[in-house]
C-alpha cells in the first residue's frame, strides 16, 4: 500500500528537529539533526525516530531517504542512507548535506513488513 506524502514545513535553519506523520497514517516520525544549527555545505547526520499511533517504538523498518530542491529542479548532492538501527525505534541517517540556501525537501520511504509508508519534510535554509 502506498500513498501521498504528508509535508511538514520548517521555516528556519535553526530548527534541528522536525516531526511529521506518514501516509497512509500509522507512523509518527521525528527527525533530529545532529548538527545544530543546520549549516549550509556541511555534512551531518540525523536520528530518525519511528513510533506507531499508540506511541510504541517501531523497529526493523527499511528506510530510504531522498530529496532535493524542487524550485531548482535538482536532488541532493549526497546519497544519505540509514547506517544503523539504534534500537527503540531510532535509526541513524548519515551523509546529509544541503549545499545552498533555499527550500529543501527530504522524502522518506518506509517499508514495514507489507506496508509502504511515505513522508516528506521541508526545510527552508
PDB file of N, CA and C in Angstrom:
ATOM      1  N   UNK A   1       0.841  -1.159   0.000  1.00  0.00           N
ATOM      2  CA  UNK A   1       0.000   0.000   0.000  1.00  0.00           C
ATOM      3  C   UNK A   1       0.889   1.227   0.000  1.00  0.00           C
ATOM      4  N   UNK A   2       0.639   2.189  -0.869  1.00  0.00           N
ATOM      5  CA  UNK A   2       1.413   3.420  -0.908  1.00  0.00           C
ATOM      6  C   UNK A   2       0.460   4.590  -0.874  1.00  0.00           C
ATOM      7  N   UNK A   3       0.988   5.749  -0.571  1.00  0.00           N
ATOM      8  CA  UNK A   3       0.144   6.933  -0.526  1.00  0.00           C
ATOM      9  C   UNK A   3       0.969   8.166  -0.775  1.00  0.00           C
ATOM     10  N   UNK A   4       0.308   9.313  -0.769  1.00  0.00           N
ATOM     11  CA  UNK A   4       0.985  10.579  -0.945  1.00  0.00           C
ATOM     12  C   UNK A   4       1.657  10.996   0.343  1.00  0.00           C
ATOM     13  N   UNK A   5       2.649  11.818   0.226  1.00  0.00           N
ATOM     14  CA  UNK A   5       3.412  12.245   1.397  1.00  0.00           C
ATOM     15  C   UNK A   5       2.711  13.374   2.128  1.00  0.00           C
ATOM     16  N   UNK A   6       2.826  13.339   3.435  1.00  0.00           N
ATOM     17  CA  UNK A   6       2.384  14.445   4.274  1.00  0.00           C
ATOM     18  C   UNK A   6       3.580  15.363   4.454  1.00  0.00           C
ATOM     19  N   UNK A   7       3.394  16.649   4.262  1.00  0.00           N
ATOM     20  CA  UNK A   7       4.506  17.589   4.280  1.00  0.00           C
ATOM     21  C   UNK A   7       4.481  18.401   5.567  1.00  0.00           C
ATOM     22  N   UNK A   8       5.630  18.526   6.175  1.00  0.00           N
ATOM     23  CA  UNK A   8       5.815  19.419   7.313  1.00  0.00           C
ATOM     24  C   UNK A   8       6.864  20.436   6.910  1.00  0.00           C
ATOM     25  N   UNK A   9       6.524  21.694   6.981  1.00  0.00           N
ATOM     26  CA  UNK A   9       7.471  22.734   6.595  1.00  0.00           C
ATOM     27  C   UNK A   9       8.153  23.303   7.822  1.00  0.00           C
ATOM     28  N   UNK A  10       9.459  23.442   7.735  1.00  0.00           N
ATOM     29  CA  UNK A  10      10.237  24.066   8.786  1.00  0.00           C
ATOM     30  C   UNK A  10      10.840  25.322   8.175  1.00  0.00           C
ATOM     31  N   UNK A  11      10.564  26.468   8.779  1.00  0.00           N
ATOM     32  CA  UNK A  11      10.901  27.722   8.118  1.00  0.00           C
ATOM     33  C   UNK A  11      12.215  28.341   8.563  1.00  0.00           C
ATOM     34  N   UNK A  12      12.995  27.639   9.343  1.00  0.00           N
ATOM     35  CA  UNK A  12      14.241  28.243   9.799  1.00  0.00           C
ATOM     36  C   UNK A  12      15.386  27.249   9.796  1.00  0.00           C
ATOM     37  N   UNK A  13      16.567  27.733   9.500  1.00  0.00           N
ATOM     38  CA  UNK A  13      17.752  26.881   9.524  1.00  0.00           C
ATOM     39  C   UNK A  13      18.112  26.479  10.951  1.00  0.00           C
ATOM     40  N   UNK A  14      17.563  27.184  11.937  1.00  0.00           N
ATOM     41  CA  UNK A  14      17.855  26.867  13.326  1.00  0.00           C
ATOM     42  C   UNK A  14      17.149  25.595  13.777  1.00  0.00           C
ATOM     43  N   UNK A  15      16.053  25.226  13.130  1.00  0.00           N
ATOM     44  CA  UNK A  15      15.281  24.057  13.542  1.00  0.00           C
ATOM     45  C   UNK A  15      16.089  22.794  13.304  1.00  0.00           C
ATOM     46  N   UNK A  16      16.350  22.073  14.361  1.00  0.00           N
ATOM     47  CA  UNK A  16      17.138  20.860  14.240  1.00  0.00           C
ATOM     48  C   UNK A  16      16.296  19.621  14.462  1.00  0.00           C
ATOM     49  N   UNK A  17      15.014  19.789  14.796  1.00  0.00           N
ATOM     50  CA  UNK A  17      14.096  18.668  14.976  1.00  0.00           C
ATOM     51  C   UNK A  17      12.817  18.947  14.199  1.00  0.00           C
ATOM     52  N   UNK A  18      12.394  17.977  13.412  1.00  0.00           N
ATOM     53  CA  UNK A  18      11.127  18.087  12.684  1.00  0.00           C
ATOM     54  C   UNK A  18      10.291  16.846  12.967  1.00  0.00           C
ATOM     55  N   UNK A  19       8.988  17.027  12.958  1.00  0.00           N
ATOM     56  CA  UNK A  19       8.057  15.928  13.187  1.00  0.00           C
ATOM     57  C   UNK A  19       7.019  15.924  12.090  1.00  0.00           C
ATOM     58  N   UNK A  20       6.575  14.727  11.712  1.00  0.00           N
ATOM     59  CA  UNK A  20       5.529  14.594  10.716  1.00  0.00           C
ATOM     60  C   UNK A  20       4.853  13.241  10.895  1.00  0.00           C
ATOM     61  N   UNK A  21       3.840  12.994  10.089  1.00  0.00           N
ATOM     62  CA  UNK A  21       3.127  11.723  10.089  1.00  0.00           C
ATOM     63  C   UNK A  21       3.232  11.098   8.715  1.00  0.00           C
ATOM     64  N   UNK A  22       2.988   9.812   8.671  1.00  0.00           N
ATOM     65  CA  UNK A  22       3.094   9.082   7.404  1.00  0.00           C
ATOM     66  C   UNK A  22       1.769   9.059   6.673  1.00  0.00           C
ATOM     67  N   UNK A  23       1.889   8.745   5.399  1.00  0.00           N
ATOM     68  CA  UNK A  23       0.741   8.413   4.569  1.00  0.00           C
ATOM     69  C   UNK A  23       1.029   7.048   3.981  1.00  0.00           C
ATOM     70  N   UNK A  24       0.175   6.042   4.161  1.00  0.00           N
ATOM     71  CA  UNK A  24      -1.039   6.097   4.975  1.00  0.00           C
ATOM     72  C   UNK A  24      -0.698   6.353   6.433  1.00  0.00           C
ATOM     73  N   UNK A  25      -1.714   6.738   7.203  1.00  0.00           N
ATOM     74  CA  UNK A  25      -1.474   7.028   8.612  1.00  0.00           C
ATOM     75  C   UNK A  25      -1.013   5.772   9.330  1.00  0.00           C
ATOM     76  N   UNK A  26      -0.381   5.955  10.455  1.00  0.00           N
ATOM     77  CA  UNK A  26       0.097   4.826  11.232  1.00  0.00           C
ATOM     78  C   UNK A  26       1.443   5.056  11.868  1.00  0.00           C
ATOM     79  N   UNK A  27       2.220   5.992  11.328  1.00  0.00           N
ATOM     80  CA  UNK A  27       3.547   6.266  11.873  1.00  0.00           C
ATOM     81  C   UNK A  27       3.690   7.733  12.250  1.00  0.00           C
ATOM     82  N   UNK A  28       4.305   7.957  13.393  1.00  0.00           N
ATOM     83  CA  UNK A  28       4.759   9.283  13.798  1.00  0.00           C
ATOM     84  C   UNK A  28       6.263   9.286  13.541  1.00  0.00           C
ATOM     85  N   UNK A  29       6.750  10.314  12.894  1.00  0.00           N
ATOM     86  CA  UNK A  29       8.152  10.377  12.504  1.00  0.00           C
ATOM     87  C   UNK A  29       8.771  11.637  13.084  1.00  0.00           C
ATOM     88  N   UNK A  30       9.881  11.470  13.763  1.00  0.00           N
ATOM     89  CA  UNK A  30      10.639  12.610  14.259  1.00  0.00           C
ATOM     90  C   UNK A  30      12.050  12.483  13.712  1.00  0.00           C
ATOM     91  N   UNK A  31      12.563  13.582  13.190  1.00  0.00           N
ATOM     92  CA  UNK A  31      13.926  13.624  12.673  1.00  0.00           C
ATOM     93  C   UNK A  31      14.677  14.698  13.439  1.00  0.00           C
ATOM     94  N   UNK A  32      15.823  14.321  13.996  1.00  0.00           N
ATOM     95  CA  UNK A  32      16.619  15.275  14.759  1.00  0.00           C
ATOM     96  C   UNK A  32      18.015  15.346  14.157  1.00  0.00           C
ATOM     97  N   UNK A  33      18.386  16.545  13.714  1.00  0.00           N
ATOM     98  CA  UNK A  33      19.707  16.756  13.150  1.00  0.00           C
ATOM     99  C   UNK A  33      20.746  16.718  14.257  1.00  0.00           C
ATOM    100  N   UNK A  34      21.875  16.099  13.968  1.00  0.00           N
ATOM    101  CA  UNK A  34      22.979  16.090  14.903  1.00  0.00           C
ATOM    102  C   UNK A  34      23.844  17.334  14.744  1.00  0.00           C
ATOM    103  N   UNK A  35      23.531  18.147  13.746  1.00  0.00           N
ATOM    104  CA  UNK A  35      24.211  19.423  13.517  1.00  0.00           C
ATOM    105  C   UNK A  35      23.240  20.531  13.909  1.00  0.00           C
ATOM    106  N   UNK A  36      23.614  21.299  14.938  1.00  0.00           N
ATOM    107  CA  UNK A  36      22.740  22.354  15.413  1.00  0.00           C
ATOM    108  C   UNK A  36      23.539  23.628  15.590  1.00  0.00           C
ATOM    109  N   UNK A  37      23.200  24.690  14.906  1.00  0.00           N
ATOM    110  CA  UNK A  37      22.104  24.793  13.950  1.00  0.00           C
ATOM    111  C   UNK A  37      22.482  24.153  12.616  1.00  0.00           C
ATOM    112  N   UNK A  38      21.481  23.933  11.789  1.00  0.00           N
ATOM    113  CA  UNK A  38      21.745  23.409  10.448  1.00  0.00           C
ATOM    114  C   UNK A  38      22.597  24.426   9.706  1.00  0.00           C
ATOM    115  N   UNK A  39      23.616  23.934   9.011  1.00  0.00           N
ATOM    116  CA  UNK A  39      24.580  24.791   8.351  1.00  0.00           C
ATOM    117  C   UNK A  39      24.722  24.373   6.892  1.00  0.00           C
ATOM    118  N   UNK A  40      24.769  25.361   6.015  1.00  0.00           N
ATOM    119  CA  UNK A  40      24.921  25.108   4.583  1.00  0.00           C
ATOM    120  C   UNK A  40      26.298  24.503   4.317  1.00  0.00           C
ATOM    121  N   UNK A  41      26.326  23.516   3.425  1.00  0.00           N
ATOM    122  CA  UNK A  41      27.542  22.900   2.898  1.00  0.00           C
ATOM    123  C   UNK A  41      28.383  22.191   3.958  1.00  0.00           C
ATOM    124  N   UNK A  42      27.717  21.578   4.941  1.00  0.00           N
ATOM    125  CA  UNK A  42      28.428  20.790   5.953  1.00  0.00           C
ATOM    126  C   UNK A  42      27.742  19.426   6.086  1.00  0.00           C
ATOM    127  N   UNK A  43      28.526  18.359   5.982  1.00  0.00           N
ATOM    128  CA  UNK A  43      27.980  17.010   6.149  1.00  0.00           C
ATOM    129  C   UNK A  43      27.464  16.850   7.571  1.00  0.00           C
ATOM    130  N   UNK A  44      26.334  16.163   7.703  1.00  0.00           N
ATOM    131  CA  UNK A  44      25.795  15.907   9.022  1.00  0.00           C
ATOM    132  C   UNK A  44      24.887  14.688   9.016  1.00  0.00           C
ATOM    133  N   UNK A  45      24.523  14.248  10.209  1.00  0.00           N
ATOM    134  CA  UNK A  45      23.689  13.065  10.408  1.00  0.00           C
ATOM    135  C   UNK A  45      22.376  13.474  11.072  1.00  0.00           C
ATOM    136  N   UNK A  46      21.377  12.588  10.942  1.00  0.00           N
ATOM    137  CA  UNK A  46      20.089  12.762  11.600  1.00  0.00           C
ATOM    138  C   UNK A  46      19.743  11.459  12.321  1.00  0.00           C
ATOM    139  N   UNK A  47      19.005  11.564  13.402  1.00  0.00           N
ATOM    140  CA  UNK A  47      18.398  10.394  14.038  1.00  0.00           C
ATOM    141  C   UNK A  47      16.915  10.450  13.717  1.00  0.00           C
ATOM    142  N   UNK A  48      16.426   9.391  13.082  1.00  0.00           N
ATOM    143  CA  UNK A  48      15.008   9.272  12.744  1.00  0.00           C
ATOM    144  C   UNK A  48      14.366   8.357  13.773  1.00  0.00           C
ATOM    145  N   UNK A  49      13.287   8.824  14.392  1.00  0.00           N
ATOM    146  CA  UNK A  49      12.551   8.028  15.374  1.00  0.00           C
ATOM    147  C   UNK A  49      11.176   7.700  14.817  1.00  0.00           C
ATOM    148  N   UNK A  50      10.813   6.418  14.863  1.00  0.00           N
ATOM    149  CA  UNK A  50       9.503   5.964  14.390  1.00  0.00           C
ATOM    150  C   UNK A  50       8.696   5.412  15.551  1.00  0.00           C
ATOM    151  N   UNK A  51       7.453   5.878  15.665  1.00  0.00           N
ATOM    152  CA  UNK A  51       6.522   5.303  16.633  1.00  0.00           C
ATOM    153  C   UNK A  51       5.195   5.071  15.937  1.00  0.00           C
ATOM    154  N   UNK A  52       4.433   4.110  16.465  1.00  0.00           N
ATOM    155  CA  UNK A  52       3.103   3.857  15.918  1.00  0.00           C
ATOM    156  C   UNK A  52       2.099   4.813  16.566  1.00  0.00           C
ATOM    157  N   UNK A  53       0.829   4.669  16.232  1.00  0.00           N
ATOM    158  CA  UNK A  53      -0.189   5.594  16.729  1.00  0.00           C
ATOM    159  C   UNK A  53      -0.411   5.471  18.230  1.00  0.00           C
ATOM    160  N   UNK A  54       0.047   4.385  18.836  1.00  0.00           N
ATOM    161  CA  UNK A  54      -0.044   4.224  20.293  1.00  0.00           C
ATOM    162  C   UNK A  54       1.234   4.688  21.003  1.00  0.00           C
ATOM    163  N   UNK A  55       2.194   5.220  20.245  1.00  0.00           N
ATOM    164  CA  UNK A  55       3.433   5.710  20.838  1.00  0.00           C
ATOM    165  C   UNK A  55       4.491   4.647  21.050  1.00  0.00           C
ATOM    166  N   UNK A  56       4.271   3.452  20.508  1.00  0.00           N
ATOM    167  CA  UNK A  56       5.243   2.368  20.643  1.00  0.00           C
ATOM    168  C   UNK A  56       6.322   2.481  19.564  1.00  0.00           C
ATOM    169  N   UNK A  57       7.563   2.229  19.953  1.00  0.00           N
ATOM    170  CA  UNK A  57       8.693   2.278  19.018  1.00  0.00           C
ATOM    171  C   UNK A  57       8.504   1.255  17.908  1.00  0.00           C
ATOM    172  N   UNK A  58       8.867   1.642  16.685  1.00  0.00           N
ATOM    173  CA  UNK A  58       8.778   0.764  15.520  1.00  0.00           C
ATOM    174  C   UNK A  58      10.199   0.411  15.089  1.00  0.00           C
ATOM    175  N   UNK A  59      10.557  -0.847  15.239  1.00  0.00           N
ATOM    176  CA  UNK A  59      11.879  -1.337  14.860  1.00  0.00           C
ATOM    177  C   UNK A  59      11.802  -2.126  13.561  1.00  0.00           C
ATOM    178  N   UNK A  60      12.950  -2.413  12.990  1.00  0.00           N
ATOM    179  CA  UNK A  60      13.094  -3.250  11.797  1.00  0.00           C
ATOM    180  C   UNK A  60      12.408  -2.679  10.560  1.00  0.00           C
ATOM    181  N   UNK A  61      12.408  -1.371  10.441  1.00  0.00           N
ATOM    182  CA  UNK A  61      11.884  -0.723   9.244  1.00  0.00           C
ATOM    183  C   UNK A  61      13.019  -0.554   8.237  1.00  0.00           C
ATOM    184  N   UNK A  62      12.664  -0.570   6.976  1.00  0.00           N
ATOM    185  CA  UNK A  62      13.611  -0.281   5.907  1.00  0.00           C
ATOM    186  C   UNK A  62      13.307   1.140   5.435  1.00  0.00           C
ATOM    187  N   UNK A  63      14.244   2.073   5.645  1.00  0.00           N
ATOM    188  CA  UNK A  63      14.012   3.489   5.352  1.00  0.00           C
ATOM    189  C   UNK A  63      14.955   3.956   4.256  1.00  0.00           C
ATOM    190  N   UNK A  64      14.378   4.589   3.248  1.00  0.00           N
ATOM    191  CA  UNK A  64      15.149   5.218   2.181  1.00  0.00           C
ATOM    192  C   UNK A  64      14.848   6.710   2.210  1.00  0.00           C
ATOM    193  N   UNK A  65      15.890   7.531   2.126  1.00  0.00           N
ATOM    194  CA  UNK A  65      15.717   8.978   2.154  1.00  0.00           C
ATOM    195  C   UNK A  65      16.301   9.570   0.875  1.00  0.00           C
ATOM    196  N   UNK A  66      15.478  10.341   0.182  1.00  0.00           N
ATOM    197  CA  UNK A  66      15.919  11.090  -0.995  1.00  0.00           C
ATOM    198  C   UNK A  66      15.492  12.539  -0.787  1.00  0.00           C
ATOM    199  N   UNK A  67      15.781  13.379  -1.738  1.00  0.00           N
ATOM    200  CA  UNK A  67      15.336  14.761  -1.603  1.00  0.00           C
ATOM    201  C   UNK A  67      16.008  15.663  -2.595  1.00  0.00           C
ATOM    202  N   UNK A  68      15.801  16.944  -2.383  1.00  0.00           N
ATOM    203  CA  UNK A  68      16.383  17.933  -3.264  1.00  0.00           C
ATOM    204  C   UNK A  68      15.720  19.274  -3.098  1.00  0.00           C
ATOM    205  N   UNK A  69      15.967  20.131  -4.082  1.00  0.00           N
ATOM    206  CA  UNK A  69      15.405  21.479  -4.110  1.00  0.00           C
ATOM    207  C   UNK A  69      14.405  21.557  -5.251  1.00  0.00           C
ATOM    208  N   UNK A  70      13.114  21.509  -4.948  1.00  0.00           N
ATOM    209  CA  UNK A  70      12.118  21.499  -6.021  1.00  0.00           C
ATOM    210  C   UNK A  70      12.137  22.760  -6.880  1.00  0.00           C
ATOM    211  N   UNK A  71      12.453  23.916  -6.311  1.00  0.00           N
ATOM    212  CA  UNK A  71      12.456  25.141  -7.109  1.00  0.00           C
ATOM    213  C   UNK A  71      13.669  25.236  -8.032  1.00  0.00           C
ATOM    214  N   UNK A  72      14.707  24.459  -7.740  1.00  0.00           N
ATOM    215  CA  UNK A  72      15.901  24.441  -8.594  1.00  0.00           C
ATOM    216  C   UNK A  72      15.948  23.192  -9.457  1.00  0.00           C
ATOM    217  N   UNK A  73      15.015  22.280  -9.245  1.00  0.00           N
ATOM    218  CA  UNK A  73      14.905  21.049 -10.024  1.00  0.00           C
ATOM    219  C   UNK A  73      16.172  20.194  -9.953  1.00  0.00           C
ATOM    220  N   UNK A  74      16.719  20.038  -8.737  1.00  0.00           N
ATOM    221  CA  UNK A  74      17.845  19.122  -8.564  1.00  0.00           C
ATOM    222  C   UNK A  74      17.732  18.406  -7.230  1.00  0.00           C
ATOM    223  N   UNK A  75      18.412  17.284  -7.142  1.00  0.00           N
ATOM    224  CA  UNK A  75      18.388  16.468  -5.939  1.00  0.00           C
ATOM    225  C   UNK A  75      19.480  16.868  -4.964  1.00  0.00           C
ATOM    226  N   UNK A  76      19.658  16.010  -3.988  1.00  0.00           N
ATOM    227  CA  UNK A  76      20.728  16.201  -3.016  1.00  0.00           C
ATOM    228  C   UNK A  76      22.076  15.956  -3.685  1.00  0.00           C
ATOM    229  N   UNK A  77      23.097  16.623  -3.196  1.00  0.00           N
ATOM    230  CA  UNK A  77      24.453  16.426  -3.719  1.00  0.00           C
ATOM    231  C   UNK A  77      25.083  15.160  -3.148  1.00  0.00           C
ATOM    232  N   UNK A  78      24.457  14.579  -2.140  1.00  0.00           N
ATOM    233  CA  UNK A  78      24.955  13.369  -1.484  1.00  0.00           C
ATOM    234  C   UNK A  78      23.882  12.283  -1.567  1.00  0.00           C
ATOM    235  N   UNK A  79      24.242  11.106  -1.113  1.00  0.00           N
ATOM    236  CA  UNK A  79      23.290   9.998  -1.068  1.00  0.00           C
ATOM    237  C   UNK A  79      23.155   9.535   0.382  1.00  0.00           C
ATOM    238  N   UNK A  80      22.264  10.192   1.149  1.00  0.00           N
ATOM    239  CA  UNK A  80      22.105   9.802   2.546  1.00  0.00           C
ATOM    240  C   UNK A  80      21.550   8.386   2.660  1.00  0.00           C
ATOM    241  N   UNK A  81      21.966   7.693   3.729  1.00  0.00           N
ATOM    242  CA  UNK A  81      21.453   6.347   3.936  1.00  0.00           C
ATOM    243  C   UNK A  81      21.437   6.005   5.417  1.00  0.00           C
ATOM    244  N   UNK A  82      20.552   5.096   5.755  1.00  0.00           N
ATOM    245  CA  UNK A  82      20.486   4.585   7.119  1.00  0.00           C
ATOM    246  C   UNK A  82      21.671   3.647   7.298  1.00  0.00           C
ATOM    247  N   UNK A  83      22.489   3.930   8.294  1.00  0.00           N
ATOM    248  CA  UNK A  83      23.675   3.108   8.524  1.00  0.00           C
ATOM    249  C   UNK A  83      23.562   2.238   9.759  1.00  0.00           C
ATOM    250  N   UNK A  84      22.580   2.538  10.605  1.00  0.00           N
ATOM    251  CA  UNK A  84      22.471   1.773  11.844  1.00  0.00           C
ATOM    252  C   UNK A  84      21.074   1.902  12.433  1.00  0.00           C
ATOM    253  N   UNK A  85      20.551   0.760  12.936  1.00  0.00           N
ATOM    254  CA  UNK A  85      19.351   0.789  13.760  1.00  0.00           C
ATOM    255  C   UNK A  85      19.831   0.934  15.194  1.00  0.00           C
ATOM    256  N   UNK A  86      19.414   2.013  15.845  1.00  0.00           N
ATOM    257  CA  UNK A  86      19.902   2.331  17.175  1.00  0.00           C
ATOM    258  C   UNK A  86      19.074   1.683  18.279  1.00  0.00           C
ATOM    259  N   UNK A  87      17.963   1.050  17.916  1.00  0.00           N
ATOM    260  CA  UNK A  87      17.056   0.465  18.900  1.00  0.00           C
ATOM    261  C   UNK A  87      16.021   1.478  19.338  1.00  0.00           C
ATOM    262  N   UNK A  88      14.987   1.004  19.986  1.00  0.00           N
ATOM    263  CA  UNK A  88      13.898   1.835  20.491  1.00  0.00           C
ATOM    264  C   UNK A  88      13.295   2.703  19.387  1.00  0.00           C
ATOM    265  N   UNK A  89      13.212   2.146  18.164  1.00  0.00           N
ATOM    266  CA  UNK A  89      12.593   2.843  17.046  1.00  0.00           C
ATOM    267  C   UNK A  89      13.436   3.935  16.428  1.00  0.00           C
ATOM    268  N   UNK A  90      14.741   3.964  16.728  1.00  0.00           N
ATOM    269  CA  UNK A  90      15.606   5.010  16.210  1.00  0.00           C
ATOM    270  C   UNK A  90      16.570   4.456  15.161  1.00  0.00           C
ATOM    271  N   UNK A  91      16.829   5.299  14.145  1.00  0.00           N
ATOM    272  CA  UNK A  91      17.675   4.923  13.011  1.00  0.00           C
ATOM    273  C   UNK A  91      18.635   6.067  12.724  1.00  0.00           C
ATOM    274  N   UNK A  92      19.906   5.749  12.445  1.00  0.00           N
ATOM    275  CA  UNK A  92      20.903   6.769  12.142  1.00  0.00           C
ATOM    276  C   UNK A  92      20.974   6.983  10.636  1.00  0.00           C
ATOM    277  N   UNK A  93      20.677   8.211  10.206  1.00  0.00           N
ATOM    278  CA  UNK A  93      20.779   8.616   8.806  1.00  0.00           C
ATOM    279  C   UNK A  93      22.059   9.416   8.658  1.00  0.00           C
ATOM    280  N   UNK A  94      22.968   8.950   7.807  1.00  0.00           N
ATOM    281  CA  UNK A  94      24.234   9.634   7.606  1.00  0.00           C
ATOM    282  C   UNK A  94      24.369  10.113   6.164  1.00  0.00           C
ATOM    283  N   UNK A  95      25.194  11.147   5.998  1.00  0.00           N
ATOM    284  CA  UNK A  95      25.515  11.617   4.653  1.00  0.00           C
ATOM    285  C   UNK A  95      24.596  12.691   4.114  1.00  0.00           C
ATOM    286  N   UNK A  96      24.061  13.546   4.972  1.00  0.00           N
ATOM    287  CA  UNK A  96      23.190  14.636   4.519  1.00  0.00           C
ATOM    288  C   UNK A  96      24.028  15.905   4.399  1.00  0.00           C
ATOM    289  N   UNK A  97      23.832  16.616   3.287  1.00  0.00           N
ATOM    290  CA  UNK A  97      24.483  17.916   3.106  1.00  0.00           C
ATOM    291  C   UNK A  97      23.589  18.780   2.228  1.00  0.00           C
ATOM    292  N   UNK A  98      23.236  19.943   2.740  1.00  0.00           N
ATOM    293  CA  UNK A  98      22.494  20.940   1.970  1.00  0.00           C
ATOM    294  C   UNK A  98      23.522  21.936   1.462  1.00  0.00           C
ATOM    295  N   UNK A  99      23.738  21.984   0.142  1.00  0.00           N
ATOM    296  CA  UNK A  99      24.867  22.744  -0.388  1.00  0.00           C
ATOM    297  C   UNK A  99      24.556  24.187  -0.789  1.00  0.00           C
ATOM    298  N   UNK A 100      23.308  24.619  -0.585  1.00  0.00           N
ATOM    299  CA  UNK A 100      22.977  26.007  -0.882  1.00  0.00           C
ATOM    300  C   UNK A 100      21.723  26.404  -0.114  1.00  0.00           C
ATOM    301  N   UNK A 101      21.537  27.702   0.132  1.00  0.00           N
ATOM    302  CA  UNK A 101      20.335  28.141   0.832  1.00  0.00           C
ATOM    303  C   UNK A 101      19.105  27.998  -0.047  1.00  0.00           C
ATOM    304  N   UNK A 102      17.955  27.860   0.606  1.00  0.00           N
ATOM    305  CA  UNK A 102      16.690  27.760  -0.106  1.00  0.00           C
ATOM    306  C   UNK A 102      15.819  26.658   0.471  1.00  0.00           C
ATOM    307  N   UNK A 103      14.766  26.314  -0.249  1.00  0.00           N
ATOM    308  CA  UNK A 103      13.813  25.297   0.172  1.00  0.00           C
ATOM    309  C   UNK A 103      14.307  23.900  -0.215  1.00  0.00           C
ATOM    310  N   UNK A 104      14.469  23.041   0.788  1.00  0.00           N
ATOM    311  CA  UNK A 104      14.886  21.653   0.601  1.00  0.00           C
ATOM    312  C   UNK A 104      13.759  20.726   1.029  1.00  0.00           C
ATOM    313  N   UNK A 105      13.607  19.614   0.328  1.00  0.00           N
ATOM    314  CA  UNK A 105      12.664  18.568   0.714  1.00  0.00           C
ATOM    315  C   UNK A 105      13.427  17.284   0.982  1.00  0.00           C
ATOM    316  N   UNK A 106      13.062  16.604   2.057  1.00  0.00           N
ATOM    317  CA  UNK A 106      13.541  15.254   2.320  1.00  0.00           C
ATOM    318  C   UNK A 106      12.333  14.333   2.242  1.00  0.00           C
ATOM    319  N   UNK A 107      12.454  13.296   1.433  1.00  0.00           N
ATOM    320  CA  UNK A 107      11.366  12.349   1.237  1.00  0.00           C
ATOM    321  C   UNK A 107      11.763  11.012   1.837  1.00  0.00           C
ATOM    322  N   UNK A 108      10.879  10.477   2.675  1.00  0.00           N
ATOM    323  CA  UNK A 108      11.129   9.209   3.344  1.00  0.00           C
ATOM    324  C   UNK A 108      10.201   8.145   2.782  1.00  0.00           C
ATOM    325  N   UNK A 109      10.780   7.012   2.440  1.00  0.00           N
ATOM    326  CA  UNK A 109      10.042   5.821   2.027  1.00  0.00           C
ATOM    327  C   UNK A 109      10.341   4.774   3.091  1.00  0.00           C
ATOM    328  N   UNK A 110       9.307   4.347   3.809  1.00  0.00           N
ATOM    329  CA  UNK A 110       9.487   3.462   4.960  1.00  0.00           C
ATOM    330  C   UNK A 110       8.718   2.176   4.721  1.00  0.00           C
ATOM    331  N   UNK A 111       9.434   1.074   4.657  1.00  0.00           N
ATOM    332  CA  UNK A 111       8.831  -0.234   4.433  1.00  0.00           C
ATOM    333  C   UNK A 111       8.812  -1.000   5.756  1.00  0.00           C
ATOM    334  N   UNK A 112       7.612  -1.408   6.184  1.00  0.00           N
ATOM    335  CA  UNK A 112       7.452  -2.223   7.386  1.00  0.00           C
ATOM    336  C   UNK A 112       6.559  -3.394   7.000  1.00  0.00           C
ATOM    337  N   UNK A 113       7.172  -4.579   6.981  1.00  0.00           N
ATOM    338  CA  UNK A 113       6.501  -5.795   6.524  1.00  0.00           C
ATOM    339  C   UNK A 113       5.877  -5.549   5.158  1.00  0.00           C
ATOM    340  N   UNK A 114       4.577  -5.630   5.023  1.00  0.00           N
ATOM    341  CA  UNK A 114       3.924  -5.493   3.711  1.00  0.00           C
ATOM    342  C   UNK A 114       3.430  -4.077   3.421  1.00  0.00           C
ATOM    343  N   UNK A 115       3.680  -3.129   4.309  1.00  0.00           N
ATOM    344  CA  UNK A 115       3.144  -1.779   4.145  1.00  0.00           C
ATOM    345  C   UNK A 115       4.257  -0.787   3.834  1.00  0.00           C
ATOM    346  N   UNK A 116       4.010   0.062   2.854  1.00  0.00           N
ATOM    347  CA  UNK A 116       4.925   1.132   2.487  1.00  0.00           C
ATOM    348  C   UNK A 116       4.331   2.459   2.940  1.00  0.00           C
ATOM    349  N   UNK A 117       5.093   3.175   3.743  1.00  0.00           N
ATOM    350  CA  UNK A 117       4.687   4.490   4.228  1.00  0.00           C
ATOM    351  C   UNK A 117       5.554   5.545   3.558  1.00  0.00           C
ATOM    352  N   UNK A 118       4.991   6.728   3.396  1.00  0.00           N
ATOM    353  CA  UNK A 118       5.732   7.852   2.825  1.00  0.00           C
ATOM    354  C   UNK A 118       5.558   9.062   3.731  1.00  0.00           C
ATOM    355  N   UNK A 119       6.576   9.892   3.754  1.00  0.00           N
ATOM    356  CA  UNK A 119       6.506  11.162   4.471  1.00  0.00           C
ATOM    357  C   UNK A 119       7.482  12.125   3.818  1.00  0.00           C
ATOM    358  N   UNK A 120       7.245  13.404   4.043  1.00  0.00           N
ATOM    359  CA  UNK A 120       8.110  14.419   3.463  1.00  0.00           C
ATOM    360  C   UNK A 120       8.237  15.571   4.443  1.00  0.00           C
ATOM    361  N   UNK A 121       9.426  16.111   4.550  1.00  0.00           N
ATOM    362  CA  UNK A 121       9.646  17.315   5.338  1.00  0.00           C
ATOM    363  C   UNK A 121      10.303  18.364   4.447  1.00  0.00           C
ATOM    364  N   UNK A 122       9.988  19.607   4.725  1.00  0.00           N
ATOM    365  CA  UNK A 122      10.594  20.714   4.005  1.00  0.00           C
ATOM    366  C   UNK A 122      11.387  21.561   4.967  1.00  0.00           C
ATOM    367  N   UNK A 123      12.552  21.968   4.529  1.00  0.00           N
ATOM    368  CA  UNK A 123      13.440  22.806   5.332  1.00  0.00           C
ATOM    369  C   UNK A 123      13.812  24.023   4.497  1.00  0.00           C
ATOM    370  N   UNK A 124      13.561  25.191   5.029  1.00  0.00           N
ATOM    371  CA  UNK A 124      13.929  26.421   4.333  1.00  0.00           C
ATOM    372  C   UNK A 124      15.186  26.973   4.981  1.00  0.00           C
ATOM    373  N   UNK A 125      16.311  26.750   4.328  1.00  0.00           N
ATOM    374  CA  UNK A 125      17.594  27.132   4.909  1.00  0.00           C
ATOM    375  C   UNK A 125      18.121  28.426   4.293  1.00  0.00           C
TER     376      UNK A 125
END
